[in-house]
Protein backbone atom coordinates (compact mmCIF):
# COMPACT_ATOMS: atom_id res chain seq x y z
CA UNK A 1 -19.74 18.97 22.03
CA UNK A 2 -22.93 19.20 20.08
CA UNK A 3 -23.63 22.23 17.97
CA UNK A 4 -26.76 24.18 18.75
CA UNK A 5 -29.02 26.06 16.43
CA UNK A 6 -31.07 29.12 17.21
CA UNK A 7 -34.63 29.15 15.88
CA UNK A 8 -35.79 32.66 15.05
CA UNK A 9 -39.57 33.22 15.01
CA UNK A 10 -40.86 36.98 15.63
CA UNK A 11 -42.64 39.11 16.80
CA UNK A 12 -42.86 42.84 15.91
CA UNK A 13 -44.60 42.66 14.80
CA UNK A 14 -47.10 43.84 17.23
CA UNK A 15 -46.16 40.95 19.51
CA UNK A 16 -42.76 39.82 20.71
CA UNK A 17 -41.47 36.86 18.75
CA UNK A 18 -40.27 33.75 20.47
CA UNK A 19 -36.75 32.48 19.82
CA UNK A 20 -36.27 28.76 20.39
CA UNK A 21 -32.84 27.26 21.04
CA UNK A 22 -32.48 23.68 19.81
CA UNK A 23 -29.59 21.18 19.57
CA UNK A 24 -28.56 19.76 16.21
CA UNK A 25 -31.08 17.17 15.07
CA UNK A 26 -33.32 17.96 18.02
CA UNK A 27 -36.96 16.83 17.94
CA UNK A 28 -39.16 17.99 20.79
CA UNK A 29 -40.96 20.86 22.48
CA UNK A 30 -39.85 24.26 23.71
CA UNK A 31 -41.49 26.78 26.02
CA UNK A 32 -40.27 30.33 26.62
CA UNK A 33 -41.28 33.63 28.23
CA UNK A 34 -39.92 37.01 27.14
CA UNK A 35 -40.17 40.51 28.58
CA UNK A 36 -38.93 43.59 26.75
CA UNK A 37 -38.75 47.10 28.21
CA UNK A 38 -38.74 50.37 26.29
CA UNK A 39 -35.74 52.50 27.36
CA UNK A 40 -34.53 56.00 26.55
CA UNK A 41 -30.71 56.22 26.38
CA UNK A 42 -30.32 59.80 25.13
CA UNK A 43 -33.64 61.59 25.78
CA UNK A 44 -34.61 63.98 28.54
CA UNK A 45 -37.29 61.74 30.02
CA UNK A 46 -37.17 58.67 32.22
CA UNK A 47 -34.67 55.96 31.28
CA UNK A 48 -37.32 53.24 31.75
CA UNK A 49 -40.40 54.31 29.84
CA UNK A 50 -43.93 53.14 30.64
CA UNK A 51 -43.90 50.82 27.62
CA UNK A 52 -43.20 47.11 27.60
CA UNK A 53 -44.07 43.80 25.99
CA UNK A 54 -44.55 40.24 27.27
CA UNK A 55 -44.77 37.02 25.29
CA UNK A 56 -45.39 33.38 26.22
CA UNK A 57 -44.77 30.79 23.51
CA UNK A 58 -44.73 27.04 22.99
CA UNK A 59 -43.26 25.31 19.97
CA UNK A 60 -42.30 22.04 18.37
CA UNK A 61 -39.10 21.40 16.42
CA UNK A 62 -38.57 18.51 14.02
CA UNK A 63 -35.06 17.20 13.38
CA UNK A 64 -33.52 20.61 14.07
CA UNK A 65 -34.56 21.97 10.67
CA UNK A 66 -38.25 22.92 10.89
CA UNK A 67 -40.15 24.63 13.70
CA UNK A 68 -43.74 25.57 14.42
CA UNK A 69 -44.93 27.67 17.36
CA UNK A 70 -47.88 29.46 18.95
CA UNK A 71 -47.49 32.63 21.02
CA UNK A 72 -49.69 34.77 23.24
CA UNK A 73 -48.45 38.32 23.71
CA UNK A 74 -49.38 41.49 25.54
CA UNK A 75 -47.84 44.95 25.05
CA UNK A 76 -48.40 48.40 26.56
CA UNK A 77 -47.38 51.75 25.01
CA UNK A 78 -47.15 55.07 26.84
CA UNK A 79 -44.14 56.94 25.47
CA UNK A 80 -44.90 60.65 25.92
CA UNK A 81 -45.55 63.00 28.80
CA UNK A 82 -48.25 64.88 26.82
CA UNK A 83 -50.31 64.19 23.70
CA UNK A 84 -52.11 66.41 21.18
CA UNK A 85 -55.41 65.81 19.39
CA UNK A 86 -56.93 67.72 16.50
CA UNK A 87 -60.36 67.76 18.13
CA UNK A 88 -59.10 69.47 21.29
CA UNK A 89 -59.37 73.20 21.78
CA UNK A 90 -56.47 75.11 23.24
CA UNK A 91 -58.62 76.09 26.21
CA UNK A 92 -59.16 72.48 27.25
CA UNK A 93 -56.85 70.75 29.66
CA UNK A 94 -54.72 67.86 28.51
CA UNK A 95 -56.30 65.20 30.75
CA UNK A 96 -59.84 65.24 29.31
CA UNK A 97 -58.43 65.35 25.78
CA UNK A 98 -56.41 62.22 26.41
CA UNK A 99 -59.36 60.45 28.01
CA UNK A 100 -61.88 61.27 25.27
CA UNK A 101 -59.92 61.23 21.99
CA UNK A 102 -57.86 58.78 19.99
CA UNK A 103 -55.50 59.40 17.06
CA UNK A 104 -56.18 56.72 14.43
CA UNK A 105 -52.87 57.22 12.61
CA UNK A 106 -50.06 54.92 11.49
CA UNK A 107 -47.96 55.63 14.56
CA UNK A 108 -50.92 55.35 16.95
CA UNK A 109 -48.75 53.49 19.48
CA UNK A 110 -46.69 56.66 19.91
CA UNK A 111 -49.43 59.28 19.50
CA UNK A 112 -51.88 57.93 22.10
CA UNK A 113 -51.51 57.37 25.85
CA UNK A 114 -51.89 54.01 27.57
CA UNK A 115 -52.48 51.79 24.52
CA UNK A 116 -52.46 48.05 25.21
CA UNK A 117 -52.60 45.19 22.74
CA UNK A 118 -53.00 41.45 23.18
CA UNK A 119 -53.44 38.50 20.87
CA UNK A 120 -52.11 35.28 19.39
CA UNK A 121 -49.67 34.60 16.58
CA UNK A 122 -48.60 31.48 14.69
CA UNK A 123 -45.07 30.99 13.33
CA UNK A 124 -43.15 28.71 10.97
CA UNK A 125 -39.34 28.63 10.70
CA UNK A 126 -36.88 26.79 8.47
CA UNK A 127 -33.13 26.59 9.17
CA UNK A 128 -30.27 26.40 6.74
CA UNK A 129 -27.04 25.11 8.30
CA UNK A 130 -23.88 23.26 7.33
CA UNK A 131 -25.11 19.97 8.81
CA UNK A 132 -27.82 19.51 6.20
CA UNK A 133 -27.08 16.94 3.52
CA UNK A 134 -27.31 19.31 0.53
CA UNK A 135 -24.57 21.56 1.97
CA UNK A 136 -21.07 20.15 1.53
CA UNK A 137 -18.98 23.04 2.86
CA UNK A 138 -18.73 24.79 6.19
CA UNK A 139 -20.83 27.94 6.38
CA UNK A 140 -19.40 31.11 7.94
CA UNK A 141 -22.81 31.59 9.60
CA UNK A 142 -26.09 29.70 9.71
CA UNK A 143 -29.36 31.39 8.88
CA UNK A 144 -33.09 30.93 9.35
CA UNK A 145 -36.18 31.93 7.41
CA UNK A 146 -39.45 32.53 9.24
CA UNK A 147 -43.04 33.55 8.64
CA UNK A 148 -45.55 34.68 11.27
CA UNK A 149 -49.26 35.51 11.14
CA UNK A 150 -51.38 36.84 13.96
CA UNK A 151 -54.20 39.02 15.18
CA UNK A 152 -54.44 41.50 18.03
CA UNK A 153 -56.95 43.71 19.80
CA UNK A 154 -56.21 47.16 21.23
CA UNK A 155 -57.48 48.81 24.41
CA UNK A 156 -57.19 52.16 26.21
CA UNK A 157 -59.30 54.50 28.31
CA UNK A 158 -60.03 56.58 25.22
CA UNK A 159 -61.19 53.59 23.18
CA UNK A 160 -63.51 52.57 26.01
CA UNK A 161 -64.92 56.10 26.26
CA UNK A 162 -65.50 56.19 22.48
CA UNK A 163 -66.93 52.62 22.46
CA UNK A 164 -64.45 51.81 19.71
CA UNK A 165 -63.72 48.26 18.62
CA UNK A 166 -60.09 48.55 17.46
CA UNK A 167 -58.25 45.44 16.26
CA UNK A 168 -55.69 44.33 13.70
CA UNK A 169 -54.09 41.51 11.72
CA UNK A 170 -50.47 41.17 10.70
CA UNK A 171 -47.93 39.00 8.96
CA UNK A 172 -44.16 39.19 9.12
CA UNK A 173 -41.07 37.74 7.48
CA UNK A 174 -38.04 36.99 9.64
CA UNK A 175 -34.45 36.57 8.52
CA UNK A 176 -31.86 35.45 11.08
CA UNK A 177 -28.09 34.95 11.15
CA UNK A 178 -26.47 33.03 14.00
CA UNK A 179 -23.28 31.20 14.87
CA UNK A 180 -22.38 28.93 17.77
CA UNK A 181 -19.53 30.04 20.02
CA UNK A 182 -18.20 27.17 22.10
CA UNK A 183 -16.94 27.82 25.62
CA UNK A 184 -15.07 25.86 28.27
CA UNK A 185 -17.93 26.50 30.72
CA UNK A 186 -21.13 24.53 31.13
CA UNK A 187 -23.06 26.53 28.51
CA UNK A 188 -23.03 27.56 24.85
CA UNK A 189 -23.39 31.03 23.39
CA UNK A 190 -25.07 31.73 20.04
CA UNK A 191 -24.85 35.39 18.94
CA UNK A 192 -27.86 36.16 16.73
CA UNK A 193 -28.88 38.98 14.41
CA UNK A 194 -32.46 39.11 13.13
CA UNK A 195 -34.30 41.32 10.65
CA UNK A 196 -38.08 41.47 10.96
CA UNK A 197 -40.33 42.89 8.23
CA UNK A 198 -43.95 43.30 9.33
CA UNK A 199 -47.10 44.40 7.54
CA UNK A 200 -50.25 45.06 9.53
CA UNK A 201 -53.82 46.15 8.89
CA UNK A 202 -55.71 47.85 11.70
CA UNK A 203 -59.50 48.21 11.70
CA UNK A 204 -61.81 50.43 13.77
CA UNK A 205 -65.41 51.64 13.76
CA UNK A 206 -66.07 54.45 11.32
CA UNK A 207 -65.93 57.92 12.84
CA UNK A 208 -68.42 59.31 10.30
CA UNK A 209 -70.86 56.50 9.46
CA UNK A 210 -72.69 54.04 11.67
CA UNK A 211 -72.32 50.27 11.13
CA UNK A 212 -69.23 50.87 8.99
CA UNK A 213 -65.54 50.28 9.61
CA UNK A 214 -62.39 52.04 8.50
CA UNK A 215 -58.88 50.66 8.25
CA UNK A 216 -55.29 51.68 7.65
CA UNK A 217 -52.19 49.65 6.83
CA UNK A 218 -48.57 50.14 7.77
CA UNK A 219 -45.20 48.43 7.48
CA UNK A 220 -42.37 48.35 10.01
CA UNK A 221 -38.86 46.89 10.03
CA UNK A 222 -36.43 46.40 12.87
CA UNK A 223 -33.20 44.60 13.79
CA UNK A 224 -32.68 42.59 16.94
CA UNK A 225 -29.34 41.48 18.43
CA UNK A 226 -29.43 38.64 20.97
CA UNK A 227 -26.95 36.51 22.88
CA UNK A 228 -28.52 33.25 24.11
CA UNK A 229 -26.84 31.18 26.86
CA UNK A 230 -27.85 27.50 26.75
CA UNK A 231 -27.10 25.54 29.92
CA UNK A 232 -26.45 21.85 30.38
CA UNK A 233 -29.31 19.35 30.56
CA UNK A 234 -31.07 19.13 33.94
CA UNK A 235 -33.85 16.93 35.30
CA UNK A 236 -36.34 19.66 34.29
CA UNK A 237 -35.03 19.91 30.73
CA UNK A 238 -32.40 22.13 29.17
CA UNK A 239 -32.77 25.76 30.33
CA UNK A 240 -31.66 28.81 28.38
CA UNK A 241 -31.60 32.57 28.90
CA UNK A 242 -31.30 35.26 26.24
CA UNK A 243 -30.68 39.02 26.66
CA UNK A 244 -31.43 41.13 23.58
CA UNK A 245 -31.66 44.68 22.24
CA UNK A 246 -33.89 45.89 19.39
CA UNK A 247 -35.14 49.10 17.79
CA UNK A 248 -38.94 48.73 17.55
CA UNK A 249 -41.24 51.49 16.30
CA UNK A 250 -38.38 53.98 16.41
CA UNK A 251 -37.27 53.39 20.02
CA UNK A 252 -34.93 51.05 21.88
CA UNK A 253 -36.17 47.91 23.66
CA UNK A 254 -34.12 45.75 26.02
CA UNK A 255 -35.34 42.16 26.27
CA UNK A 256 -34.81 39.12 28.46
CA UNK A 257 -36.07 35.65 27.57
CA UNK A 258 -35.86 32.39 29.47
CA UNK A 259 -37.20 28.93 28.71
CA UNK A 260 -36.68 25.18 28.49
CA UNK A 261 -36.22 22.43 25.93
CA UNK A 262 -38.17 19.23 26.63
């Protein structure tokens, strides 16, 4: 039974990262789609929040040790029942405040209603595993090192009302640990733990001066735990499915990814 490797390439970044599952020594293409849903396990609100993320990625893997990929992602954030703005008077109702104001702060995804983002990202990943020639001993776990760079644009009713051009750029480092678990069934399992460290710079039109821009930077870290199931080869390729859980921007996200190796 061939050993399989899990290629870890993120996401938090602002966008969900794609994880490619490849056999040992595999050279070829992968395609995958992922959806993650923001959930509230212990709060007083709805269990399924109105926040989610989608990502569609394609990649190429060479000899099971180096991967390159391109991803398009779209996310939507709406985590609170009510929002506050410094420019709103207490006599005003909440609805017009939300429609006509925007909090340009580090945690803007949490402090503004109905914020969407979309964009592309580019990733590189290198794997270290016991099958490489410079490693003579069995490793307790394999690991991967990844880098991702991307750009994104933000949208909301408030940004449209304010005629604000709000966009950002980011880069992230990804560190993954994974280990194959063989089964007697017609699939493999590869438990995976990933740490993502993201730095982003967000830019918007100046609120005080015309034809000027302002920006702010922020960093975010999160862990993701995933359990991919890789099925046997079919006429359409080798399918896989991967449930996951992560803590992004201070809240829990449940994810589900499916894709093919070609």
